[in-house]
């Protein structure tokens, strides 16, 4: 966890703050000052201890594929893609996809790195493999 924290506020809600940061190309997660644990998906109250002292911290983006599946689609509908659960080194799990390799080449235990992509005018966290598939 980095030392750069920014207080979460009720202004706009945690989800809106998360999306605004993604729109600027920044991937961040929350950290609870009371119990010293990471929190994801954005919340106003810590799900671990109930405290409200949640701060934003820039995520390292390093993670490991916990689970993966391939969603099959016709080529004219965009083709196959993967859906993966990623365990971030900060201790939280998130759902995303791994890009840059064939969907069925994504493997459990694979090391990945987050990237923020812009899609349909919104920031989106995706991952790329940091090791050979």
C-alpha atoms as a PDB file:
ATOM      1  CA  UNK A   1       0.000   0.000   0.000  1.00  0.00           C
ATOM      2  CA  UNK A   2       1.452   3.374  -0.883  1.00  0.00           C
ATOM      3  CA  UNK A   3       1.816   6.144   1.657  1.00  0.00           C
ATOM      4  CA  UNK A   4      -0.259   8.534  -0.449  1.00  0.00           C
ATOM      5  CA  UNK A   5      -3.738   8.610   1.036  1.00  0.00           C
ATOM      6  CA  UNK A   6      -6.643  10.850   0.157  1.00  0.00           C
ATOM      7  CA  UNK A   7      -9.673  10.999   2.445  1.00  0.00           C
ATOM      8  CA  UNK A   8     -12.846   9.491   1.058  1.00  0.00           C
ATOM      9  CA  UNK A   9     -15.793  11.824   1.418  1.00  0.00           C
ATOM     10  CA  UNK A  10     -19.535  11.627   1.135  1.00  0.00           C
ATOM     11  CA  UNK A  11     -19.334  14.108  -1.735  1.00  0.00           C
ATOM     12  CA  UNK A  12     -20.645  12.170  -4.705  1.00  0.00           C
ATOM     13  CA  UNK A  13     -20.261   8.827  -2.958  1.00  0.00           C
ATOM     14  CA  UNK A  14     -17.380   6.368  -3.023  1.00  0.00           C
ATOM     15  CA  UNK A  15     -18.394   4.793  -6.337  1.00  0.00           C
ATOM     16  CA  UNK A  16     -18.434   8.173  -8.080  1.00  0.00           C
ATOM     17  CA  UNK A  17     -15.022   9.068  -6.641  1.00  0.00           C
ATOM     18  CA  UNK A  18     -13.635   5.727  -7.871  1.00  0.00           C
ATOM     19  CA  UNK A  19     -15.022   6.289 -11.377  1.00  0.00           C
ATOM     20  CA  UNK A  20     -13.751   9.872 -11.519  1.00  0.00           C
ATOM     21  CA  UNK A  21     -10.227   8.676 -10.702  1.00  0.00           C
ATOM     22  CA  UNK A  22     -10.475   5.963 -13.395  1.00  0.00           C
ATOM     23  CA  UNK A  23     -11.577   8.619 -15.899  1.00  0.00           C
ATOM     24  CA  UNK A  24      -8.267  10.358 -15.116  1.00  0.00           C
ATOM     25  CA  UNK A  25      -6.341   7.100 -15.591  1.00  0.00           C
ATOM     26  CA  UNK A  26      -5.813   6.430 -11.872  1.00  0.00           C
ATOM     27  CA  UNK A  27      -6.605   3.043 -10.294  1.00  0.00           C
ATOM     28  CA  UNK A  28      -7.112   3.368  -6.570  1.00  0.00           C
ATOM     29  CA  UNK A  29      -8.657   1.340  -3.798  1.00  0.00           C
ATOM     30  CA  UNK A  30      -9.721   2.258  -0.309  1.00  0.00           C
ATOM     31  CA  UNK A  31      -7.802   1.588   2.889  1.00  0.00           C
ATOM     32  CA  UNK A  32      -9.359   1.605   6.367  1.00  0.00           C
ATOM     33  CA  UNK A  33      -7.399   3.679   8.882  1.00  0.00           C
ATOM     34  CA  UNK A  34      -9.144   1.920  11.789  1.00  0.00           C
ATOM     35  CA  UNK A  35      -8.394  -1.750  10.984  1.00  0.00           C
ATOM     36  CA  UNK A  36      -5.538  -1.232   8.479  1.00  0.00           C
ATOM     37  CA  UNK A  37      -7.192  -3.330   5.740  1.00  0.00           C
ATOM     38  CA  UNK A  38      -7.803  -2.707   2.057  1.00  0.00           C
ATOM     39  CA  UNK A  39     -11.373  -2.332   0.822  1.00  0.00           C
ATOM     40  CA  UNK A  40     -12.750  -3.003  -2.648  1.00  0.00           C
ATOM     41  CA  UNK A  41     -15.438  -2.381  -4.121  1.00  0.00           C
ATOM     42  CA  UNK A  42     -15.690   1.277  -2.960  1.00  0.00           C
ATOM     43  CA  UNK A  43     -17.795   1.799   0.130  1.00  0.00           C
ATOM     44  CA  UNK A  44     -18.585   4.494   2.663  1.00  0.00           C
ATOM     45  CA  UNK A  45     -18.178   2.116   5.638  1.00  0.00           C
ATOM     46  CA  UNK A  46     -15.455  -0.501   6.125  1.00  0.00           C
ATOM     47  CA  UNK A  47     -16.941  -3.995   5.638  1.00  0.00           C
ATOM     48  CA  UNK A  48     -14.331  -5.435   8.025  1.00  0.00           C
ATOM     49  CA  UNK A  49     -14.800  -3.249  11.112  1.00  0.00           C
ATOM     50  CA  UNK A  50     -17.612  -0.774  10.387  1.00  0.00           C
ATOM     51  CA  UNK A  51     -15.395   2.313  10.617  1.00  0.00           C
ATOM     52  CA  UNK A  52     -15.873   5.310   8.351  1.00  0.00           C
ATOM     53  CA  UNK A  53     -12.197   6.317   8.109  1.00  0.00           C
ATOM     54  CA  UNK A  54     -11.677   5.076   4.557  1.00  0.00           C
ATOM     55  CA  UNK A  55      -8.929   6.684   2.508  1.00  0.00           C
ATOM     56  CA  UNK A  56      -8.053   6.312  -1.153  1.00  0.00           C
ATOM     57  CA  UNK A  57      -4.675   4.819  -2.020  1.00  0.00           C
ATOM     58  CA  UNK A  58      -3.198   4.259  -5.463  1.00  0.00           C
ATOM     59  CA  UNK A  59      -3.253   0.514  -6.150  1.00  0.00           C
ATOM     60  CA  UNK A  60      -0.026  -1.188  -7.225  1.00  0.00           C
ATOM     61  CA  UNK A  61      -2.041  -3.038  -9.864  1.00  0.00           C
ATOM     62  CA  UNK A  62      -0.033  -6.214  -9.318  1.00  0.00           C
ATOM     63  CA  UNK A  63      -2.117  -9.302  -8.902  1.00  0.00           C
ATOM     64  CA  UNK A  64      -2.678 -12.990  -9.507  1.00  0.00           C
ATOM     65  CA  UNK A  65      -5.495 -14.689 -11.396  1.00  0.00           C
ATOM     66  CA  UNK A  66      -7.674 -16.443  -8.820  1.00  0.00           C
ATOM     67  CA  UNK A  67     -10.258 -17.798 -11.275  1.00  0.00           C
ATOM     68  CA  UNK A  68     -11.084 -17.417 -14.951  1.00  0.00           C
ATOM     69  CA  UNK A  69     -13.660 -18.421 -17.516  1.00  0.00           C
ATOM     70  CA  UNK A  70     -14.159 -17.849 -21.232  1.00  0.00           C
ATOM     71  CA  UNK A  71     -17.339 -16.239 -22.494  1.00  0.00           C
ATOM     72  CA  UNK A  72     -18.053 -17.549 -25.986  1.00  0.00           C
ATOM     73  CA  UNK A  73     -19.485 -15.169 -28.590  1.00  0.00           C
ATOM     74  CA  UNK A  74     -19.778 -15.187 -32.342  1.00  0.00           C
ATOM     75  CA  UNK A  75     -17.040 -13.304 -34.148  1.00  0.00           C
ATOM     76  CA  UNK A  76     -19.507 -10.692 -35.411  1.00  0.00           C
ATOM     77  CA  UNK A  77     -20.508 -10.022 -31.776  1.00  0.00           C
ATOM     78  CA  UNK A  78     -16.891  -9.316 -30.768  1.00  0.00           C
ATOM     79  CA  UNK A  79     -15.583 -12.840 -30.320  1.00  0.00           C
ATOM     80  CA  UNK A  80     -14.652 -14.736 -27.186  1.00  0.00           C
ATOM     81  CA  UNK A  81     -13.352 -12.969 -24.080  1.00  0.00           C
ATOM     82  CA  UNK A  82     -12.320 -13.971 -20.572  1.00  0.00           C
ATOM     83  CA  UNK A  83     -13.732 -12.949 -17.226  1.00  0.00           C
ATOM     84  CA  UNK A  84     -11.264 -13.273 -14.372  1.00  0.00           C
ATOM     85  CA  UNK A  85     -11.182 -12.813 -10.628  1.00  0.00           C
ATOM     86  CA  UNK A  86      -7.915 -11.120  -9.706  1.00  0.00           C
ATOM     87  CA  UNK A  87      -6.354 -11.136  -6.242  1.00  0.00           C
ATOM     88  CA  UNK A  88      -4.517  -7.816  -5.867  1.00  0.00           C
ATOM     89  CA  UNK A  89      -1.376  -7.739  -3.746  1.00  0.00           C
ATOM     90  CA  UNK A  90      -3.176  -5.265  -1.450  1.00  0.00           C
ATOM     91  CA  UNK A  91      -5.429  -8.132  -0.320  1.00  0.00           C
ATOM     92  CA  UNK A  92      -8.658  -7.537  -2.233  1.00  0.00           C
ATOM     93  CA  UNK A  93     -10.242  -9.439  -5.112  1.00  0.00           C
ATOM     94  CA  UNK A  94     -11.834  -7.866  -8.156  1.00  0.00           C
ATOM     95  CA  UNK A  95     -13.497  -9.004 -11.365  1.00  0.00           C
ATOM     96  CA  UNK A  96     -12.021  -7.903 -14.682  1.00  0.00           C
ATOM     97  CA  UNK A  97     -10.462  -9.409 -17.785  1.00  0.00           C
ATOM     98  CA  UNK A  98      -6.955 -10.222 -18.974  1.00  0.00           C
ATOM     99  CA  UNK A  99      -6.107  -8.693 -22.340  1.00  0.00           C
ATOM    100  CA  UNK A 100      -3.337  -9.295 -24.830  1.00  0.00           C
ATOM    101  CA  UNK A 101      -3.546 -13.096 -24.853  1.00  0.00           C
ATOM    102  CA  UNK A 102      -6.125 -15.603 -26.058  1.00  0.00           C
ATOM    103  CA  UNK A 103      -9.030 -15.895 -23.605  1.00  0.00           C
ATOM    104  CA  UNK A 104      -8.389 -19.598 -23.015  1.00  0.00           C
ATOM    105  CA  UNK A 105      -4.676 -18.940 -22.333  1.00  0.00           C
ATOM    106  CA  UNK A 106      -5.452 -17.143 -19.050  1.00  0.00           C
ATOM    107  CA  UNK A 107      -4.493 -19.454 -16.190  1.00  0.00           C
ATOM    108  CA  UNK A 108      -5.131 -19.586 -12.451  1.00  0.00           C
ATOM    109  CA  UNK A 109      -2.027 -18.354 -10.634  1.00  0.00           C
ATOM    110  CA  UNK A 110      -0.890 -16.177 -13.564  1.00  0.00           C
ATOM    111  CA  UNK A 111       0.796 -12.922 -12.540  1.00  0.00           C
ATOM    112  CA  UNK A 112      -0.932  -9.854 -13.981  1.00  0.00           C
ATOM    113  CA  UNK A 113      -0.665  -6.064 -13.951  1.00  0.00           C
ATOM    114  CA  UNK A 114      -3.569  -3.606 -14.047  1.00  0.00           C
ATOM    115  CA  UNK A 115      -4.004  -0.971 -16.727  1.00  0.00           C
ATOM    116  CA  UNK A 116      -6.673   1.705 -16.911  1.00  0.00           C
ATOM    117  CA  UNK A 117      -8.302   1.790 -20.334  1.00  0.00           C
ATOM    118  CA  UNK A 118     -10.903   4.232 -21.602  1.00  0.00           C
ATOM    119  CA  UNK A 119     -13.974   2.549 -23.075  1.00  0.00           C
ATOM    120  CA  UNK A 120     -17.214   4.265 -24.052  1.00  0.00           C
ATOM    121  CA  UNK A 121     -16.053   7.424 -22.295  1.00  0.00           C
ATOM    122  CA  UNK A 122     -15.348   5.707 -18.952  1.00  0.00           C
ATOM    123  CA  UNK A 123     -12.263   4.369 -17.218  1.00  0.00           C
ATOM    124  CA  UNK A 124     -12.014   0.594 -16.946  1.00  0.00           C
ATOM    125  CA  UNK A 125      -9.470  -1.568 -15.094  1.00  0.00           C
ATOM    126  CA  UNK A 126      -8.137  -4.449 -17.187  1.00  0.00           C
ATOM    127  CA  UNK A 127      -5.091  -6.651 -16.710  1.00  0.00           C
ATOM    128  CA  UNK A 128      -2.214  -7.910 -18.829  1.00  0.00           C
ATOM    129  CA  UNK A 129      -0.121 -10.989 -18.114  1.00  0.00           C
ATOM    130  CA  UNK A 130       3.352 -10.291 -16.717  1.00  0.00           C
ATOM    131  CA  UNK A 131       4.522 -13.841 -17.410  1.00  0.00           C
ATOM    132  CA  UNK A 132       4.330 -16.112 -20.441  1.00  0.00           C
ATOM    133  CA  UNK A 133       0.914 -17.733 -20.882  1.00  0.00           C
END
